[in-house]
Protein backbone atom coordinates (compact mmCIF):
# COMPACT_ATOMS: atom_id res chain seq x y z
CA MET A 1 -17.22 -54.32 4.15
CA SER A 2 -18.29 -50.92 5.42
CA ASP A 3 -17.32 -47.69 3.73
CA VAL A 4 -14.10 -46.16 4.94
CA ARG A 5 -13.63 -42.43 5.13
CA HIS A 6 -10.24 -40.76 5.55
CA VAL A 7 -9.80 -37.22 6.85
CA LEU A 8 -6.64 -35.32 5.96
CA VAL A 9 -5.96 -32.18 7.99
CA LEU A 10 -4.24 -29.32 6.15
CA PRO A 11 -3.03 -25.92 7.33
CA ASP A 12 -4.95 -23.80 4.81
CA ARG A 13 -7.35 -23.85 1.89
CA ASP A 14 -4.66 -23.73 -0.77
CA ALA A 15 -2.98 -26.84 0.65
CA ALA A 16 -6.35 -28.60 0.90
CA GLU A 17 -7.15 -27.82 -2.75
CA GLU A 18 -3.70 -29.05 -3.85
CA VAL A 19 -4.12 -32.29 -1.92
CA ALA A 20 -7.61 -32.82 -3.34
CA GLY A 21 -6.14 -32.52 -6.84
CA GLU A 22 -3.26 -34.85 -6.01
CA LEU A 23 -5.70 -37.51 -4.76
CA SER A 24 -7.15 -37.98 -8.21
CA ASP A 25 -3.78 -37.65 -9.96
CA ARG A 26 -1.83 -40.02 -7.72
CA PHE A 27 -4.45 -42.42 -6.43
CA GLY A 28 -7.14 -42.26 -9.10
CA VAL A 29 -9.80 -41.14 -6.63
CA ALA A 30 -12.91 -40.86 -8.78
CA GLU A 31 -15.22 -39.13 -6.33
CA GLU A 32 -14.40 -35.48 -5.66
CA PRO A 33 -12.96 -35.15 -2.13
CA GLN A 34 -14.94 -32.89 0.19
CA LEU A 35 -13.18 -29.77 1.52
CA VAL A 36 -14.31 -28.60 4.95
CA ARG A 37 -13.16 -25.52 6.86
CA ASP A 38 -12.43 -26.44 10.45
CA ALA A 39 -12.12 -23.36 12.68
CA LEU A 40 -9.92 -24.05 15.66
CA ALA A 41 -11.78 -23.94 18.96
CA GLY A 42 -11.76 -20.47 20.48
CA GLU A 43 -10.26 -18.83 17.40
CA ASP A 44 -12.14 -15.91 15.85
CA ASP A 45 -9.55 -15.21 13.17
CA ALA A 46 -10.41 -16.96 9.90
CA GLU A 47 -6.68 -17.28 9.19
CA ASP A 48 -6.42 -19.77 12.05
CA ALA A 49 -8.68 -22.32 10.39
CA GLN A 50 -7.50 -25.73 9.33
CA TRP A 51 -8.99 -27.37 6.26
CA LEU A 52 -10.10 -30.96 6.10
CA VAL A 53 -10.08 -33.09 2.97
CA VAL A 54 -12.58 -35.92 3.36
CA VAL A 55 -11.93 -38.88 1.06
CA GLU A 56 -14.27 -41.83 0.63
CA ASN A 57 -12.49 -45.18 0.34
CA PRO A 58 -15.33 -47.69 -0.14
CA ASP A 59 -13.19 -50.45 -1.62
CA GLY A 60 -10.33 -50.02 0.85
CA ARG A 61 -7.71 -49.55 -1.84
CA LEU A 62 -6.24 -46.31 -0.48
CA ASP A 63 -3.26 -46.87 1.79
CA PRO A 64 -3.48 -44.72 4.94
CA LYS A 65 0.34 -44.48 5.08
CA GLU A 66 0.42 -43.05 1.57
CA LEU A 67 -2.37 -40.59 2.38
CA ASP A 68 -0.48 -39.47 5.49
CA ALA A 69 2.69 -39.01 3.43
CA LEU A 70 0.77 -36.92 0.88
CA ALA A 71 -0.71 -34.71 3.60
CA GLY A 72 2.77 -34.42 5.15
CA GLU A 73 4.09 -32.90 1.92
CA TYR A 74 1.70 -30.00 2.60
CA GLU A 75 2.43 -29.73 6.35
CA GLY A 76 -0.68 -31.73 7.20
CA TRP A 77 -1.52 -35.19 8.44
CA LEU A 78 -4.03 -38.02 8.20
CA GLU A 79 -6.47 -37.94 11.12
CA ALA A 80 -6.58 -41.22 13.02
CA PRO A 81 -9.92 -43.01 12.52
């Protein structure tokens, strides 16, 4: 089985950091999720950047629906693979 990577899209850094913390608390994610700033195309203002939380799911035990629900609590969503 190949490694699975999930990308959660959040509106700001604070939300991304909260979600990253929740991943280990709720789902027992051992590996630290990666936070990535994603500037929106054509936007110069740093305030208009989304943040991505990249989660490795090598054993396939994370439920995408649950990840999407978690991101939704912070006005974000799970990016479709």
